[in-house]
C-alpha atoms as a PDB file:
ATOM      1  CA  MET A   1      18.544  -0.775 -18.555  1.00  0.00           C
ATOM      2  CA  PRO A   2      15.799   1.663 -18.758  1.00  0.00           C
ATOM      3  CA  MET A   3      13.578   3.482 -16.003  1.00  0.00           C
ATOM      4  CA  LEU A   4      10.244   5.056 -15.958  1.00  0.00           C
ATOM      5  CA  THR A   5       8.912   6.956 -12.963  1.00  0.00           C
ATOM      6  CA  LYS A   6       4.611   7.083 -12.790  1.00  0.00           C
ATOM      7  CA  TYR A   7       3.488   8.303  -9.774  1.00  0.00           C
ATOM      8  CA  ILE A   8      -0.329   7.093  -8.063  1.00  0.00           C
ATOM      9  CA  ARG A   9      -2.263   9.888  -5.733  1.00  0.00           C
ATOM     10  CA  THR A  10      -5.109   9.013  -4.057  1.00  0.00           C
ATOM     11  CA  SER A  11      -7.266  10.211  -0.932  1.00  0.00           C
ATOM     12  CA  THR A  12      -7.625   8.006   2.427  1.00  0.00           C
ATOM     13  CA  LYS A  13     -10.092   7.933   5.009  1.00  0.00           C
ATOM     14  CA  GLY A  14      -6.800   6.483   7.443  1.00  0.00           C
ATOM     15  CA  ASN A  15      -7.747   4.461  10.325  1.00  0.00           C
ATOM     16  CA  THR A  16      -6.499   1.222   8.145  1.00  0.00           C
ATOM     17  CA  ASP A  17      -8.266   2.101   5.353  1.00  0.00           C
ATOM     18  CA  ILE A  18      -7.386  -0.485   2.410  1.00  0.00           C
ATOM     19  CA  ILE A  19      -7.391   0.790  -1.009  1.00  0.00           C
ATOM     20  CA  ASP A  20      -7.330  -1.460  -4.178  1.00  0.00           C
ATOM     21  CA  ILE A  21      -4.611   0.048  -6.732  1.00  0.00           C
ATOM     22  CA  THR A  22      -4.411  -2.727  -9.054  1.00  0.00           C
ATOM     23  CA  LYS A  23      -6.325  -0.748 -11.531  1.00  0.00           C
ATOM     24  CA  GLN A  24      -3.788   2.218 -11.867  1.00  0.00           C
ATOM     25  CA  LEU A  25      -1.118  -0.286 -11.818  1.00  0.00           C
ATOM     26  CA  GLU A  26      -2.646  -1.743 -14.908  1.00  0.00           C
ATOM     27  CA  LYS A  27      -3.865   1.361 -16.423  1.00  0.00           C
ATOM     28  CA  ILE A  28       0.239   2.550 -15.988  1.00  0.00           C
ATOM     29  CA  LEU A  29       0.989  -0.224 -18.399  1.00  0.00           C
ATOM     30  CA  ILE A  30      -1.472   0.197 -20.871  1.00  0.00           C
ATOM     31  CA  GLU A  31      -0.252   4.116 -21.448  1.00  0.00           C
ATOM     32  CA  GLU A  32       3.230   3.179 -21.440  1.00  0.00           C
ATOM     33  CA  LYS A  33       2.448   0.100 -23.913  1.00  0.00           C
ATOM     34  CA  LEU A  34       4.683  -1.929 -21.505  1.00  0.00           C
ATOM     35  CA  LYS A  35       4.798  -5.985 -22.095  1.00  0.00           C
ATOM     36  CA  ASP A  36       7.297  -7.383 -19.837  1.00  0.00           C
ATOM     37  CA  ALA A  37       8.405  -5.009 -16.860  1.00  0.00           C
ATOM     38  CA  LEU A  38       9.385  -5.170 -13.340  1.00  0.00           C
ATOM     39  CA  MET A  39       7.514  -2.403 -11.052  1.00  0.00           C
ATOM     40  CA  PHE A  40       8.876  -1.377  -7.710  1.00  0.00           C
ATOM     41  CA  LEU A  41       6.127   0.278  -5.420  1.00  0.00           C
ATOM     42  CA  SER A  42       6.968   2.893  -2.984  1.00  0.00           C
ATOM     43  CA  VAL A  43       4.323   4.965  -0.772  1.00  0.00           C
ATOM     44  CA  ILE A  44       5.974   7.998   0.394  1.00  0.00           C
ATOM     45  CA  GLY A  45       5.404   8.364   4.480  1.00  0.00           C
ATOM     46  CA  SER A  46       5.873   5.796   7.455  1.00  0.00           C
ATOM     47  CA  THR A  47       2.268   5.149   8.015  1.00  0.00           C
ATOM     48  CA  ALA A  48       1.512   3.404   5.250  1.00  0.00           C
ATOM     49  CA  ALA A  49       2.000   0.058   3.591  1.00  0.00           C
ATOM     50  CA  ILE A  50       1.652  -1.693   0.390  1.00  0.00           C
ATOM     51  CA  THR A  51       0.935  -5.502   0.049  1.00  0.00           C
ATOM     52  CA  THR A  52      -1.435  -7.889  -1.845  1.00  0.00           C
ATOM     53  CA  MET A  53      -4.349  -9.582  -1.242  1.00  0.00           C
ATOM     54  CA  GLU A  54      -7.939 -10.912  -2.004  1.00  0.00           C
ATOM     55  CA  TYR A  55      -9.502  -7.583  -2.142  1.00  0.00           C
ATOM     56  CA  GLU A  56     -13.054  -8.346  -1.011  1.00  0.00           C
ATOM     57  CA  PRO A  57     -15.021  -6.899   1.686  1.00  0.00           C
ATOM     58  CA  GLY A  58     -14.834 -10.145   4.016  1.00  0.00           C
ATOM     59  CA  LEU A  59     -11.219 -10.101   4.090  1.00  0.00           C
ATOM     60  CA  VAL A  60     -11.000  -6.530   4.317  1.00  0.00           C
ATOM     61  CA  THR A  61     -12.643  -6.506   7.634  1.00  0.00           C
ATOM     62  CA  ASP A  62     -10.615  -9.472   8.727  1.00  0.00           C
ATOM     63  CA  LEU A  63      -7.106  -7.717   7.902  1.00  0.00           C
ATOM     64  CA  LYS A  64      -8.786  -4.825  10.065  1.00  0.00           C
ATOM     65  CA  GLU A  65      -9.718  -6.879  12.866  1.00  0.00           C
ATOM     66  CA  ILE A  66      -5.998  -8.807  12.652  1.00  0.00           C
ATOM     67  CA  PHE A  67      -4.069  -4.973  13.098  1.00  0.00           C
ATOM     68  CA  GLU A  68      -6.137  -4.350  15.833  1.00  0.00           C
ATOM     69  CA  LYS A  69      -5.620  -7.276  18.007  1.00  0.00           C
ATOM     70  CA  THR A  70      -2.080  -7.356  17.150  1.00  0.00           C
ATOM     71  CA  ILE A  71      -0.988  -3.990  17.290  1.00  0.00           C
ATOM     72  CA  PRO A  72      -3.945  -2.366  18.966  1.00  0.00           C
ATOM     73  CA  PHE A  73      -4.803   1.252  18.662  1.00  0.00           C
ATOM     74  CA  ASP A  74      -5.447   2.312  21.988  1.00  0.00           C
ATOM     75  CA  LYS A  75      -1.586   0.769  23.500  1.00  0.00           C
ATOM     76  CA  ASN A  76       0.733   3.169  25.382  1.00  0.00           C
ATOM     77  CA  TYR A  77       3.168   3.784  22.864  1.00  0.00           C
ATOM     78  CA  ALA A  78       6.676   5.191  23.753  1.00  0.00           C
ATOM     79  CA  HIS A  79       6.265   6.932  20.222  1.00  0.00           C
ATOM     80  CA  ASN A  80       3.083   8.706  21.269  1.00  0.00           C
ATOM     81  CA  LEU A  81       4.998   9.848  24.510  1.00  0.00           C
ATOM     82  CA  THR A  82       7.572  11.286  22.312  1.00  0.00           C
ATOM     83  CA  TRP A  83       5.361  12.920  19.811  1.00  0.00           C
ATOM     84  CA  ASN A  84       1.833  13.382  21.288  1.00  0.00           C
ATOM     85  CA  ASP A  85       0.391  12.173  18.167  1.00  0.00           C
ATOM     86  CA  ALA A  86      -1.324   9.085  19.188  1.00  0.00           C
ATOM     87  CA  ASN A  87      -0.335   7.413  15.923  1.00  0.00           C
ATOM     88  CA  GLY A  88       2.434   4.834  17.165  1.00  0.00           C
ATOM     89  CA  HIS A  89       0.180   1.581  16.406  1.00  0.00           C
ATOM     90  CA  SER A  90       0.322   3.456  12.358  1.00  0.00           C
ATOM     91  CA  HIS A  91       4.162   3.132  12.586  1.00  0.00           C
ATOM     92  CA  LEU A  92       4.284  -0.069  13.956  1.00  0.00           C
ATOM     93  CA  ARG A  93       2.017  -1.478  11.722  1.00  0.00           C
ATOM     94  CA  SER A  94       3.405   0.222   8.406  1.00  0.00           C
ATOM     95  CA  SER A  95       6.956  -1.294   9.768  1.00  0.00           C
ATOM     96  CA  PHE A  96       5.248  -4.884   9.582  1.00  0.00           C
ATOM     97  CA  ILE A  97       3.914  -4.705   6.199  1.00  0.00           C
ATOM     98  CA  LYS A  98       6.343  -2.366   4.797  1.00  0.00           C
ATOM     99  CA  THR A  99       6.263   0.610   2.500  1.00  0.00           C
ATOM    100  CA  ASN A 100       7.090  -1.047  -0.341  1.00  0.00           C
ATOM    101  CA  PHE A 101       6.473  -3.639  -2.989  1.00  0.00           C
ATOM    102  CA  PHE A 102       7.695  -5.485  -6.653  1.00  0.00           C
ATOM    103  CA  VAL A 103       5.054  -6.350  -8.597  1.00  0.00           C
ATOM    104  CA  SER A 104       6.349  -8.016 -12.294  1.00  0.00           C
ATOM    105  CA  ALA A 105       4.319  -7.745 -15.461  1.00  0.00           C
ATOM    106  CA  THR A 106       4.617 -10.681 -18.695  1.00  0.00           C
ATOM    107  CA  ASP A 107       2.744  -9.962 -21.827  1.00  0.00           C
ATOM    108  CA  GLY A 108       1.492  -6.701 -20.898  1.00  0.00           C
ATOM    109  CA  LYS A 109      -0.400  -8.391 -17.963  1.00  0.00           C
ATOM    110  CA  LEU A 110       0.222  -7.591 -13.510  1.00  0.00           C
ATOM    111  CA  ASP A 111       1.744 -11.178 -12.607  1.00  0.00           C
ATOM    112  CA  LEU A 112      -1.084 -11.635  -9.686  1.00  0.00           C
ATOM    113  CA  GLY A 113      -3.430 -14.654  -9.070  1.00  0.00           C
ATOM    114  CA  THR A 114      -7.068 -14.283  -9.847  1.00  0.00           C
ATOM    115  CA  TRP A 115      -7.860 -13.269  -6.624  1.00  0.00           C
ATOM    116  CA  GLN A 116      -5.505 -10.947  -5.719  1.00  0.00           C
ATOM    117  CA  GLN A 117      -5.075  -7.377  -5.897  1.00  0.00           C
ATOM    118  CA  VAL A 118      -2.579  -4.918  -4.633  1.00  0.00           C
ATOM    119  CA  VAL A 119      -3.320  -2.741  -2.015  1.00  0.00           C
ATOM    120  CA  LEU A 120      -2.267   0.699  -0.194  1.00  0.00           C
ATOM    121  CA  ILE A 121      -2.919   0.477   3.519  1.00  0.00           C
ATOM    122  CA  ASP A 122      -3.223   3.561   5.233  1.00  0.00           C
ATOM    123  CA  PHE A 123      -2.417   3.844   8.903  1.00  0.00           C
ATOM    124  CA  ASP A 124      -2.656   7.158  10.025  1.00  0.00           C
ATOM    125  CA  THR A 125      -5.423   8.177  12.399  1.00  0.00           C
ATOM    126  CA  ARG A 126      -6.388  10.876   9.817  1.00  0.00           C
ATOM    127  CA  LYS A 127      -7.194  11.228   6.219  1.00  0.00           C
ATOM    128  CA  ARG A 128      -4.074  11.558   4.305  1.00  0.00           C
ATOM    129  CA  GLU A 129      -3.517  12.321   0.682  1.00  0.00           C
ATOM    130  CA  ARG A 130      -0.948   9.532  -0.123  1.00  0.00           C
ATOM    131  CA  GLU A 131       1.324   9.631  -3.021  1.00  0.00           C
ATOM    132  CA  ILE A 132       3.099   6.197  -4.343  1.00  0.00           C
ATOM    133  CA  VAL A 133       6.056   6.071  -6.550  1.00  0.00           C
ATOM    134  CA  VAL A 134       6.401   3.681  -9.374  1.00  0.00           C
ATOM    135  CA  LYS A 135       9.583   3.026 -10.672  1.00  0.00           C
ATOM    136  CA  ILE A 136       9.370   0.660 -13.596  1.00  0.00           C
ATOM    137  CA  VAL A 137      12.318  -1.423 -15.372  1.00  0.00           C
ATOM    138  CA  THR A 138      11.862  -2.938 -18.864  1.00  0.00           C
END
């Protein structure tokens, strides 16, 4: 089975910054002339995650609020005591969503619903340059 590797690089603001990466994935499909493929996405780092959602302002706000309610920033996490870096919540949020994700493509289009986009979420406490490795099987 042939394997292709591509990269998506993006700047983030941190603090649960949610970025739609669907267009970058579609661009890869077009540039590589891919019809049917399986794309495995992996964001490098343990304070970010990849998932899908309807990327619209209301839901972006709602998702950020849910993370703050379920895994709040200002709790005394053991990780913060270990490293004194105040990003224990970032690691926990990433662990729940995960740093990798599969998306398939059929007839040159991502297999997503009408209102479904692939998003990168950066939970860290600072701006970051993020790299997503895209492994493609055709």
